Amino acid sequence: MQDIPATSPGPGSRSQSTFNIQRQASAVSGASSGPPPMKTGPSPAPSAHLKPKAPNVRRMRRIISEDAEWTLAIVPLLTELCIQHIVKNFQNNPILKQLLPEHQQKVLSHLPPDLPLTVTANLIEDESYWHRCCVKRWPVCHVAKHGGSWKRMFFERHLESLLKLFIPGTTDPSVILDLLPLCKNYVRRIQVDQFLPPVRLPTPPHPDDQSDSGSEGEGNEPEKDHYQLEELVAGLKHLEELDLVYGVKDCGMNFEWNLFLFTFRDCQSLATTIKACHTLKIFRLTRSKVDDDKARILIRSLLDHPALEELDLSHNLIGDRGARAAAKLLSHSRLRVLNLANNQVRAPGAQSLAHALAHNTNLVSLNLRLNCIEDEGGQAIAHALETNKCLTTLHLGGNELSEPTATLLSQVLPVNTTLISLNLSCNHIGLDGGKQLLDGMSDNKTILEFDLRLSDVSQESEYLIGQALHVNREATRQRTLNPGHFMSPITNNYPENSVG
């Protein structure tokens, strides 16, 4: 039997001894239990008799914090906690201007891009935030088309999407007008390629209405027209470009011609809108079935417009009367670009445009492709080029032109010194007409682009004209690189030296 030390244990050693005794007792009880006796009868279910052992449960215990966001990482700084709180409650309490610049950037980098515009529109100017908003909403973003500004792009495209889905008589106008105070400082362009018509329910036929023709009421216009832009445009103080198409996209099996109807009330409202918008520089109304009468209403509202520089009425139904109105506009505006492509302009309309072009000092681009001005109109425009000193681009492709027009142009090309691009493609110039144009190009030093595709010109003439264009381009490049060299008196006396 082992001797027990005589020294009395202290309080600490007594507790340790007690713990050791308990652990030993547990081990002994566990060791003495031994394997259970074997039984021949069916054994009961394990879950009915087995109980968890107290020591094992005690060994597996862990201290778990009541905070679900508890982490063993280092406690963040108070500044970071404040920034997180600001971001989390930004919608109800937008705090940004009061912060230091570095803290503002941290807050902006963590803000979600789906915050209400009433909170972010007039408060956040950071482009990176609006970049995230644009990328999340639209898969393809061309910010260069919006002046390089992501915020401007967001508001312009957001407004355009609202206009495309607006249904007159069904959609609440406040959906668009409530956005006006938020976007008026950023929207400079409205480009809408769809205007939905109002929902019209079919009216049951009356038994008293008997007529021989069932199309008697087809010409009647609807009681409600498309969305009127007058109030919206009046609130956009920086609007410079308006690009509209009155039609419906992706209508599928529900196609009807009245879905593409630009009514007189639409026309009158739009004319009032563009006349009052003194900042408007570019106006496009394409693929909207604009005829002569509607074109005259629109053009009349643009006379003496203080800022208009480009008018595009292509792919419509404009004839000679509309072309005469456009010719009058050339004399009463600062218009620089006029596009009447794919209309119904014939020789009288082209002659009116040529008369205005002969005395015009502002227009630099005229597009009359896909009309039918024929040689009578083509010769009139060629005569105008003898005195015109500002036009640089002329497109007469697909106008039933032939050799007489080419003959007159060959006499004008050596005289005109401003025209840079000329397009006569898809006409009937012919072999002799191509040779005459080649003679005219031999004395021309300014034209850099000359399109004669599908115009029945011989390959030799087309090739030689291409060589003359190459000489003109090289001379232009040399003048750009060495402007002082080509201003010398010798060059002025012998202009042909600049070509070599």
Protein backbone atom coordinates (compact mmCIF):
# COMPACT_ATOMS: atom_id res chain seq x y z
CA MET A 1 0.00 0.00 0.00
CA GLN A 2 1.41 3.37 -1.07
CA ASP A 3 1.99 6.07 1.53
CA ILE A 4 -0.04 9.25 1.39
CA PRO A 5 1.95 12.49 1.64
CA ALA A 6 1.67 14.20 4.95
CA THR A 7 1.30 17.68 3.55
CA SER A 8 -2.24 18.92 3.36
CA PRO A 9 -3.27 20.01 -0.11
CA GLY A 10 -4.22 23.58 -0.85
CA PRO A 11 -7.49 24.72 -2.36
CA GLY A 12 -6.17 24.48 -5.91
CA SER A 13 -4.73 21.03 -5.46
CA ARG A 14 -7.94 19.87 -3.79
CA SER A 15 -10.04 20.84 -6.81
CA GLN A 16 -7.52 19.26 -9.17
CA SER A 17 -7.59 16.05 -7.12
CA THR A 18 -11.36 16.04 -7.18
CA PHE A 19 -11.33 16.41 -11.02
CA ASN A 20 -8.78 13.59 -11.34
CA ILE A 21 -10.84 11.32 -9.08
CA GLN A 22 -13.95 11.97 -11.15
CA ARG A 23 -12.12 11.28 -14.39
CA GLN A 24 -10.64 8.08 -12.96
CA ALA A 25 -14.07 7.01 -11.73
CA SER A 26 -15.46 7.57 -15.16
CA ALA A 27 -12.69 5.52 -16.71
CA VAL A 28 -13.16 2.71 -14.20
CA SER A 29 -16.89 2.60 -14.69
CA GLY A 30 -16.36 2.54 -18.41
CA ALA A 31 -13.73 -0.16 -18.21
CA SER A 32 -15.74 -2.33 -15.83
CA SER A 33 -18.80 -2.26 -17.92
CA GLY A 34 -17.28 -4.78 -20.38
CA PRO A 35 -18.94 -6.06 -23.50
CA PRO A 36 -22.71 -6.62 -23.25
CA PRO A 37 -23.91 -10.20 -22.82
CA MET A 38 -25.02 -11.97 -25.94
CA LYS A 39 -28.69 -12.60 -26.36
CA THR A 40 -30.32 -15.12 -28.60
CA GLY A 41 -33.59 -13.27 -28.86
CA PRO A 42 -34.28 -10.33 -31.19
CA SER A 43 -32.46 -7.21 -30.17
CA PRO A 44 -34.48 -4.05 -29.58
CA ALA A 45 -34.00 -0.97 -31.73
CA PRO A 46 -30.79 0.92 -30.89
CA SER A 47 -32.53 4.26 -30.65
CA ALA A 48 -34.88 2.97 -27.96
CA HIS A 49 -32.21 2.09 -25.36
CA LEU A 50 -28.98 3.91 -26.28
CA LYS A 51 -28.50 7.23 -24.52
CA PRO A 52 -25.78 9.78 -25.24
CA LYS A 53 -23.01 9.63 -22.72
CA ALA A 54 -22.61 12.71 -20.58
CA PRO A 55 -18.80 12.96 -20.97
CA ASN A 56 -19.02 12.90 -24.77
CA VAL A 57 -21.63 15.65 -24.81
CA ARG A 58 -19.50 17.74 -22.46
CA ARG A 59 -16.48 17.21 -24.68
CA MET A 60 -18.30 18.43 -27.84
CA ARG A 61 -19.66 21.60 -26.40
CA ARG A 62 -18.68 24.91 -27.99
CA ILE A 63 -19.35 28.53 -27.11
CA ILE A 64 -21.50 29.89 -29.96
CA SER A 65 -22.18 33.62 -30.21
CA GLU A 66 -25.74 34.78 -30.37
CA ASP A 67 -24.81 37.25 -33.19
CA ALA A 68 -25.34 35.55 -36.57
CA GLU A 69 -22.79 37.90 -38.17
CA TRP A 70 -20.09 37.14 -35.63
CA THR A 71 -16.69 36.58 -37.18
CA LEU A 72 -13.25 35.75 -35.87
CA ALA A 73 -11.69 38.35 -38.18
CA ILE A 74 -10.18 41.53 -36.85
CA VAL A 75 -12.76 44.06 -35.68
CA PRO A 76 -13.09 46.73 -38.44
CA LEU A 77 -12.34 50.35 -37.82
CA LEU A 78 -15.09 52.67 -36.72
CA THR A 79 -14.82 54.50 -40.06
CA GLU A 80 -15.55 51.30 -41.96
CA LEU A 81 -18.50 50.53 -39.72
CA CYS A 82 -19.90 54.02 -40.38
CA ILE A 83 -19.48 53.59 -44.14
CA GLN A 84 -21.26 50.26 -44.02
CA HIS A 85 -24.10 51.84 -42.07
CA ILE A 86 -24.39 54.71 -44.57
CA VAL A 87 -24.51 52.31 -47.50
CA LYS A 88 -27.11 50.12 -45.81
CA ASN A 89 -29.40 53.06 -45.03
CA PHE A 90 -28.62 55.24 -48.05
CA GLN A 91 -32.12 55.05 -49.50
CA ASN A 92 -33.73 56.46 -46.34
CA ASN A 93 -30.86 58.73 -45.29
CA PRO A 94 -28.60 59.61 -48.24
CA ILE A 95 -25.41 60.98 -46.71
CA LEU A 96 -22.72 61.78 -49.27
CA LYS A 97 -21.77 65.43 -49.58
CA GLN A 98 -20.85 65.67 -45.90
CA LEU A 99 -18.16 62.96 -46.23
CA LEU A 100 -14.51 63.34 -47.12
CA PRO A 101 -13.65 62.60 -50.78
CA GLU A 102 -12.02 59.24 -50.00
CA HIS A 103 -15.02 58.21 -47.92
CA GLN A 104 -17.39 59.31 -50.68
CA GLN A 105 -15.64 57.01 -53.12
CA LYS A 106 -15.99 54.06 -50.75
CA VAL A 107 -19.68 54.74 -50.28
CA LEU A 108 -20.28 55.10 -54.03
CA SER A 109 -18.37 51.91 -54.82
CA HIS A 110 -20.65 49.89 -52.52
CA LEU A 111 -24.02 51.43 -53.40
CA PRO A 112 -26.40 49.08 -55.26
CA PRO A 113 -27.24 50.24 -58.82
CA ASP A 114 -30.99 49.77 -58.33
CA LEU A 115 -31.59 52.62 -55.89
CA PRO A 116 -34.58 54.89 -56.66
CA LEU A 117 -33.79 57.70 -59.10
CA THR A 118 -35.42 60.17 -56.74
CA VAL A 119 -32.48 59.52 -54.42
CA THR A 120 -29.58 59.28 -56.86
CA ALA A 121 -30.45 61.53 -59.84
CA ASN A 122 -29.52 64.91 -58.42
CA LEU A 123 -27.12 63.64 -55.75
CA ILE A 124 -24.66 61.29 -57.45
CA GLU A 125 -22.43 62.59 -60.24
CA ASP A 126 -19.83 59.84 -60.11
CA GLU A 127 -19.51 58.23 -63.57
CA SER A 128 -18.42 54.85 -62.20
CA TYR A 129 -21.72 54.47 -60.36
CA TRP A 130 -23.77 55.27 -63.48
CA HIS A 131 -21.51 52.95 -65.45
CA ARG A 132 -22.58 50.09 -63.16
CA CYS A 133 -26.22 51.13 -63.55
CA CYS A 134 -26.00 51.07 -67.36
CA VAL A 135 -24.12 47.77 -67.57
CA LYS A 136 -26.59 46.04 -65.26
CA ARG A 137 -29.61 47.21 -67.24
CA TRP A 138 -28.43 46.99 -70.87
CA PRO A 139 -26.06 44.33 -72.19
CA VAL A 140 -24.75 46.59 -74.99
CA CYS A 141 -23.71 50.14 -74.10
CA HIS A 142 -22.21 52.63 -76.59
CA VAL A 143 -21.38 55.54 -74.35
CA ALA A 144 -19.71 57.41 -77.25
CA LYS A 145 -23.16 57.98 -78.74
CA HIS A 146 -24.14 59.85 -75.59
CA GLY A 147 -21.27 62.29 -75.37
CA GLY A 148 -19.09 59.90 -73.37
CA SER A 149 -21.22 60.38 -70.25
CA TRP A 150 -22.65 57.30 -68.51
CA LYS A 151 -25.14 59.36 -66.54
CA ARG A 152 -26.45 61.02 -69.68
CA MET A 153 -26.68 57.62 -71.35
CA PHE A 154 -28.68 56.16 -68.46
CA PHE A 155 -31.28 58.91 -68.41
CA GLU A 156 -31.61 59.14 -72.17
CA ARG A 157 -32.13 55.41 -72.62
CA HIS A 158 -34.39 55.21 -69.57
CA LEU A 159 -36.60 57.97 -70.95
CA GLU A 160 -36.63 56.35 -74.39
CA SER A 161 -37.77 53.04 -72.92
CA LEU A 162 -40.68 54.76 -71.18
CA LEU A 163 -41.72 56.48 -74.40
CA LYS A 164 -41.58 53.24 -76.39
CA LEU A 165 -43.94 51.48 -73.98
CA PHE A 166 -46.37 54.36 -73.43
CA ILE A 167 -49.95 53.55 -74.48
CA PRO A 168 -52.19 56.63 -74.84
CA GLY A 169 -55.30 56.37 -72.72
CA THR A 170 -53.90 53.45 -70.73
CA THR A 171 -50.52 54.49 -69.33
CA ASP A 172 -50.47 57.25 -66.71
CA PRO A 173 -48.70 60.33 -68.18
CA SER A 174 -47.12 61.00 -64.79
CA VAL A 175 -44.85 58.01 -65.40
CA ILE A 176 -42.92 60.20 -67.86
CA LEU A 177 -43.57 63.67 -66.48
CA ASP A 178 -42.43 62.71 -62.97
CA LEU A 179 -39.06 61.82 -64.46
CA LEU A 180 -38.66 65.26 -66.02
CA PRO A 181 -37.23 67.08 -62.95
CA LEU A 182 -34.69 64.29 -62.54
CA CYS A 183 -33.42 64.06 -66.12
CA LYS A 184 -33.86 67.56 -67.57
CA ASN A 185 -30.21 68.51 -66.97
CA TYR A 186 -28.79 65.40 -68.66
CA VAL A 187 -31.00 64.50 -71.64
CA ARG A 188 -29.70 65.96 -74.90
CA ARG A 189 -31.07 63.39 -77.32
CA ILE A 190 -34.34 61.48 -77.67
CA GLN A 191 -34.25 58.54 -80.05
CA VAL A 192 -37.53 56.61 -80.21
CA ASP A 193 -38.11 54.01 -82.92
CA GLN A 194 -41.60 53.03 -81.72
CA PHE A 195 -44.78 54.86 -80.73
CA LEU A 196 -47.65 52.67 -79.60
CA PRO A 197 -51.15 53.70 -80.71
CA PRO A 198 -54.06 53.82 -78.27
CA VAL A 199 -56.03 50.66 -77.58
CA ARG A 200 -59.17 50.74 -79.70
CA LEU A 201 -61.93 48.26 -79.02
CA PRO A 202 -63.98 47.12 -82.03
CA THR A 203 -67.33 48.84 -82.23
CA PRO A 204 -70.31 46.62 -82.98
CA PRO A 205 -72.06 47.45 -86.26
CA HIS A 206 -75.42 49.18 -86.06
CA PRO A 207 -78.27 47.64 -88.02
CA ASP A 208 -79.30 51.06 -89.37
CA ASP A 209 -75.88 51.73 -90.93
CA GLN A 210 -76.15 50.16 -94.35
CA SER A 211 -73.61 51.05 -97.03
CA ASP A 212 -72.46 49.56 -100.27
CA SER A 213 -68.80 49.70 -99.32
CA GLY A 214 -67.34 48.31 -96.12
CA SER A 215 -64.35 50.64 -96.23
CA GLU A 216 -66.28 53.84 -95.62
CA GLY A 217 -64.83 54.43 -92.16
CA GLU A 218 -61.31 53.21 -92.82
CA GLY A 219 -60.04 56.70 -93.57
CA ASN A 220 -61.21 58.10 -90.24
CA GLU A 221 -58.38 58.81 -87.84
CA PRO A 222 -58.49 57.55 -84.25
CA GLU A 223 -59.94 59.67 -81.51
CA LYS A 224 -56.68 59.51 -79.55
CA ASP A 225 -53.31 59.75 -81.21
CA HIS A 226 -49.79 58.81 -80.15
CA TYR A 227 -48.01 60.28 -77.15
CA GLN A 228 -47.64 64.04 -77.50
CA LEU A 229 -44.09 65.24 -76.86
CA GLU A 230 -44.88 68.91 -76.39
CA GLU A 231 -44.89 69.04 -72.58
CA LEU A 232 -41.89 66.73 -72.27
CA VAL A 233 -39.70 68.56 -74.78
CA ALA A 234 -40.62 71.92 -73.26
CA GLY A 235 -39.07 70.78 -69.98
CA LEU A 236 -35.81 69.53 -71.54
CA LYS A 237 -33.79 72.72 -71.70
CA HIS A 238 -30.72 71.09 -73.28
CA LEU A 239 -32.38 68.92 -75.93
CA GLU A 240 -30.38 69.00 -79.18
CA GLU A 241 -31.47 65.91 -81.13
CA LEU A 242 -34.88 64.40 -81.82
CA ASP A 243 -34.97 61.11 -83.75
CA LEU A 244 -38.45 59.63 -84.14
CA VAL A 245 -40.18 56.75 -85.95
CA TYR A 246 -43.96 56.41 -85.72
CA GLY A 247 -44.53 52.67 -85.91
CA VAL A 248 -44.63 49.47 -83.91
CA LYS A 249 -41.81 46.96 -83.66
CA ASP A 250 -42.25 43.21 -83.27
CA CYS A 251 -46.01 43.32 -83.80
CA GLY A 252 -45.91 39.83 -85.33
CA MET A 253 -49.28 38.36 -86.28
CA ASN A 254 -51.06 41.45 -84.93
CA PHE A 255 -49.87 43.56 -87.87
CA GLU A 256 -52.23 46.30 -89.02
CA TRP A 257 -51.55 49.34 -91.17
CA ASN A 258 -53.00 51.70 -88.58
CA LEU A 259 -50.11 50.74 -86.29
CA PHE A 260 -47.91 52.80 -88.63
CA LEU A 261 -50.15 55.83 -88.92
CA PHE A 262 -48.70 59.31 -88.39
CA THR A 263 -51.88 61.32 -88.06
CA PHE A 264 -52.46 65.01 -88.75
CA ARG A 265 -52.92 65.66 -85.04
CA ASP A 266 -49.57 63.96 -84.42
CA CYS A 267 -48.04 66.15 -87.10
CA GLN A 268 -49.48 69.40 -85.78
CA SER A 269 -48.44 68.60 -82.22
CA LEU A 270 -44.93 67.65 -83.34
CA ALA A 271 -44.64 70.84 -85.41
CA THR A 272 -45.53 72.93 -82.37
CA THR A 273 -43.02 70.97 -80.30
CA ILE A 274 -40.02 71.45 -82.60
CA LYS A 275 -40.85 75.11 -83.22
CA ALA A 276 -40.75 75.86 -79.49
CA CYS A 277 -37.52 73.90 -78.92
CA HIS A 278 -34.94 76.57 -79.74
CA THR A 279 -32.00 74.35 -78.77
CA LEU A 280 -32.86 71.64 -81.32
CA LYS A 281 -30.00 71.03 -83.78
CA ILE A 282 -30.94 67.68 -85.35
CA PHE A 283 -34.44 66.58 -86.29
CA ARG A 284 -35.11 63.15 -87.82
CA LEU A 285 -38.52 61.74 -88.70
CA THR A 286 -38.08 58.61 -90.80
CA ARG A 287 -40.21 55.61 -91.84
CA SER A 288 -43.39 57.31 -90.73
CA LYS A 289 -45.40 57.78 -93.96
CA VAL A 290 -44.91 61.53 -94.01
CA ASP A 291 -46.53 62.87 -97.18
CA ASP A 292 -46.37 66.30 -98.80
CA ASP A 293 -49.00 67.92 -96.61
CA LYS A 294 -47.47 66.74 -93.36
CA ALA A 295 -43.97 67.59 -94.56
CA ARG A 296 -45.08 71.14 -95.34
CA ILE A 297 -46.57 71.50 -91.85
CA LEU A 298 -43.33 70.34 -90.23
CA ILE A 299 -41.04 72.37 -92.46
CA ARG A 300 -43.13 75.51 -92.00
CA SER A 301 -42.52 75.29 -88.25
CA LEU A 302 -38.76 75.13 -88.87
CA LEU A 303 -38.47 78.31 -90.92
CA ASP A 304 -36.06 80.76 -89.28
CA HIS A 305 -35.22 78.20 -86.60
CA PRO A 306 -32.27 79.60 -84.63
CA ALA A 307 -30.30 76.37 -84.15
CA LEU A 308 -31.45 73.65 -86.60
CA GLU A 309 -28.52 72.17 -88.56
CA GLU A 310 -29.74 68.77 -89.79
CA LEU A 311 -33.11 67.67 -91.19
CA ASP A 312 -33.72 64.01 -92.05
CA LEU A 313 -37.06 63.07 -93.62
CA SER A 314 -35.84 59.98 -95.44
CA HIS A 315 -37.91 56.85 -96.15
CA ASN A 316 -41.25 58.65 -96.32
CA LEU A 317 -43.77 59.64 -99.01
CA ILE A 318 -42.58 63.18 -99.77
CA GLY A 319 -43.04 64.39 -103.34
CA ASP A 320 -42.38 67.58 -105.27
CA ARG A 321 -44.50 69.82 -103.05
CA GLY A 322 -42.59 68.67 -99.98
CA ALA A 323 -39.30 69.19 -101.84
CA ARG A 324 -40.33 72.77 -102.69
CA ALA A 325 -40.98 73.36 -98.99
CA ALA A 326 -37.52 71.97 -98.19
CA ALA A 327 -36.01 74.30 -100.81
CA LYS A 328 -37.67 77.24 -99.07
CA LEU A 329 -36.21 76.04 -95.81
CA LEU A 330 -32.70 76.23 -97.31
CA SER A 331 -33.21 79.95 -97.79
CA HIS A 332 -34.65 80.58 -94.32
CA SER A 333 -32.46 78.57 -91.98
CA ARG A 334 -28.90 77.61 -91.15
CA LEU A 335 -29.42 74.05 -92.34
CA ARG A 336 -26.20 72.16 -93.07
CA VAL A 337 -27.50 68.62 -93.75
CA LEU A 338 -30.65 67.72 -95.71
CA ASN A 339 -31.68 64.09 -96.24
CA LEU A 340 -34.66 63.28 -98.47
CA ALA A 341 -33.56 59.78 -99.46
CA ASN A 342 -36.12 57.16 -100.53
CA ASN A 343 -39.04 59.48 -101.15
CA GLN A 344 -41.04 60.41 -104.24
CA VAL A 345 -39.17 63.51 -105.40
CA ARG A 346 -39.15 63.99 -109.17
CA ALA A 347 -37.70 66.53 -111.55
CA PRO A 348 -39.79 69.57 -110.44
CA GLY A 349 -38.85 69.03 -106.82
CA ALA A 350 -35.16 68.60 -107.74
CA GLN A 351 -35.28 71.82 -109.77
CA SER A 352 -36.64 73.70 -106.76
CA LEU A 353 -33.84 72.32 -104.60
CA ALA A 354 -31.27 73.20 -107.26
CA HIS A 355 -32.50 76.79 -107.43
CA ALA A 356 -32.10 77.15 -103.66
CA LEU A 357 -28.77 75.34 -103.75
CA ALA A 358 -27.29 77.75 -106.27
CA HIS A 359 -27.56 80.63 -103.79
CA ASN A 360 -27.12 78.72 -100.53
CA THR A 361 -24.10 79.32 -98.30
CA ASN A 362 -24.69 76.86 -95.45
CA LEU A 363 -25.66 73.41 -96.77
CA VAL A 364 -22.75 70.95 -96.87
CA SER A 365 -24.59 67.64 -97.47
CA LEU A 366 -27.54 66.81 -99.74
CA ASN A 367 -28.91 63.25 -99.99
CA LEU A 368 -31.47 62.54 -102.72
CA ARG A 369 -30.80 58.85 -103.32
CA LEU A 370 -33.63 56.48 -104.23
CA ASN A 371 -35.84 59.15 -105.77
CA CYS A 372 -36.66 59.70 -109.43
CA ILE A 373 -35.33 63.12 -110.44
CA GLU A 374 -34.09 61.81 -113.84
CA ASP A 375 -31.84 63.84 -116.13
CA GLU A 376 -33.98 66.97 -115.96
CA GLY A 377 -33.50 67.19 -112.21
CA GLY A 378 -29.90 65.95 -112.34
CA GLN A 379 -28.89 68.63 -114.82
CA ALA A 380 -30.52 71.31 -112.70
CA ILE A 381 -28.46 70.24 -109.67
CA ALA A 382 -25.32 70.10 -111.84
CA HIS A 383 -25.91 73.70 -112.92
CA ALA A 384 -26.29 74.71 -109.28
CA LEU A 385 -22.85 73.27 -108.51
CA GLU A 386 -21.28 75.84 -110.84
CA THR A 387 -22.09 78.65 -108.42
CA ASN A 388 -22.43 76.79 -105.11
CA LYS A 389 -19.38 77.21 -102.85
CA CYS A 390 -20.34 75.22 -99.75
CA LEU A 391 -21.71 71.77 -100.68
CA THR A 392 -19.18 68.99 -99.98
CA THR A 393 -21.32 65.80 -100.18
CA LEU A 394 -23.88 64.99 -102.87
CA HIS A 395 -25.72 61.66 -103.15
CA LEU A 396 -27.75 61.09 -106.33
CA GLY A 397 -27.71 57.30 -106.41
CA GLY A 398 -30.72 55.48 -107.84
CA ASN A 399 -32.36 58.44 -109.60
CA GLU A 400 -32.66 57.24 -113.22
CA LEU A 401 -29.78 59.48 -114.33
CA SER A 402 -28.06 58.86 -117.66
CA GLU A 403 -25.47 60.30 -120.04
CA PRO A 404 -26.85 63.91 -120.28
CA THR A 405 -26.37 64.40 -116.54
CA ALA A 406 -22.86 62.91 -116.74
CA THR A 407 -22.00 65.24 -119.62
CA LEU A 408 -22.97 68.33 -117.64
CA LEU A 409 -21.23 67.07 -114.48
CA SER A 410 -18.02 66.57 -116.47
CA GLN A 411 -18.11 70.29 -117.28
CA VAL A 412 -18.82 71.24 -113.68
CA LEU A 413 -16.13 69.11 -111.99
CA PRO A 414 -13.18 71.25 -113.17
CA VAL A 415 -14.98 74.41 -111.98
CA ASN A 416 -16.32 73.31 -108.60
CA THR A 417 -13.68 73.36 -105.86
CA THR A 418 -15.72 72.45 -102.79
CA LEU A 419 -17.32 69.09 -103.61
CA ILE A 420 -15.49 66.22 -101.86
CA SER A 421 -17.88 63.25 -102.17
CA LEU A 422 -20.10 62.44 -105.18
CA ASN A 423 -22.31 59.36 -105.49
CA LEU A 424 -23.88 58.38 -108.83
CA SER A 425 -24.29 54.67 -108.16
CA CYS A 426 -27.23 52.62 -109.47
CA ASN A 427 -27.88 54.91 -112.43
CA HIS A 428 -27.52 54.50 -116.21
CA ILE A 429 -24.45 56.62 -116.88
CA GLY A 430 -23.23 54.35 -119.68
CA LEU A 431 -19.84 53.94 -121.37
CA ASP A 432 -19.74 57.39 -122.97
CA GLY A 433 -20.94 59.04 -119.80
CA GLY A 434 -18.14 57.32 -117.86
CA LYS A 435 -15.54 58.62 -120.32
CA GLN A 436 -16.84 62.16 -119.98
CA LEU A 437 -16.74 61.93 -116.18
CA LEU A 438 -13.15 60.71 -116.50
CA ASP A 439 -12.30 63.82 -118.56
CA GLY A 440 -13.87 66.01 -115.90
CA MET A 441 -11.96 64.26 -113.10
CA SER A 442 -8.65 64.84 -114.86
CA ASP A 443 -8.95 68.56 -114.03
CA ASN A 444 -10.54 68.18 -110.59
CA LYS A 445 -8.30 68.39 -107.51
CA THR A 446 -10.81 68.24 -104.64
CA ILE A 447 -13.07 65.17 -104.99
CA LEU A 448 -11.88 62.34 -102.74
CA GLU A 449 -14.82 59.91 -103.08
CA PHE A 450 -16.64 59.09 -106.32
CA ASP A 451 -19.06 56.14 -106.31
CA LEU A 452 -19.98 54.77 -109.76
CA ARG A 453 -21.00 51.24 -108.84
CA LEU A 454 -23.76 49.63 -110.93
CA SER A 455 -23.92 52.62 -113.28
CA ASP A 456 -22.92 50.87 -116.56
CA VAL A 457 -19.49 52.55 -116.62
CA SER A 458 -16.62 50.60 -118.16
CA GLN A 459 -14.04 49.07 -115.87
CA GLU A 460 -11.29 51.10 -117.51
CA SER A 461 -13.03 54.40 -116.84
CA GLU A 462 -13.83 53.38 -113.28
CA TYR A 463 -10.22 52.35 -112.70
CA LEU A 464 -8.79 55.58 -114.11
CA ILE A 465 -11.21 57.64 -112.06
CA GLY A 466 -9.99 55.70 -109.01
CA GLN A 467 -6.41 56.65 -109.89
CA ALA A 468 -7.39 60.31 -110.08
CA LEU A 469 -9.03 60.03 -106.68
CA HIS A 470 -5.83 58.51 -105.29
CA VAL A 471 -3.85 61.50 -106.57
CA ASN A 472 -6.30 63.91 -104.95
CA ARG A 473 -6.14 62.06 -101.62
CA GLU A 474 -2.36 62.08 -101.62
CA ALA A 475 -2.28 65.78 -102.40
CA THR A 476 -4.74 66.43 -99.57
CA ARG A 477 -2.60 64.40 -97.19
CA GLN A 478 0.50 66.34 -98.16
CA ARG A 479 -1.30 69.64 -97.65
CA THR A 480 -2.35 68.48 -94.20
CA LEU A 481 1.19 67.48 -93.25
CA ASN A 482 2.94 70.51 -94.77
CA PRO A 483 0.46 73.39 -94.89
CA GLY A 484 3.17 76.04 -95.17
CA HIS A 485 4.79 74.43 -98.21
CA PHE A 486 1.62 74.59 -100.29
CA MET A 487 1.02 78.23 -99.41
CA SER A 488 4.14 79.38 -101.23
CA PRO A 489 3.77 81.75 -104.23
CA ILE A 490 5.20 79.14 -106.61
CA THR A 491 2.48 76.70 -105.68
CA ASN A 492 -0.18 79.33 -106.20
CA ASN A 493 1.12 80.16 -109.67
CA TYR A 494 1.39 76.51 -110.71
CA PRO A 495 -1.34 74.56 -108.99
CA GLU A 496 -0.57 71.43 -110.99
CA ASN A 497 2.70 71.02 -109.03
CA SER A 498 0.68 70.09 -105.92
CA VAL A 499 -0.68 66.97 -107.62
CA GLY A 500 2.71 65.48 -108.36
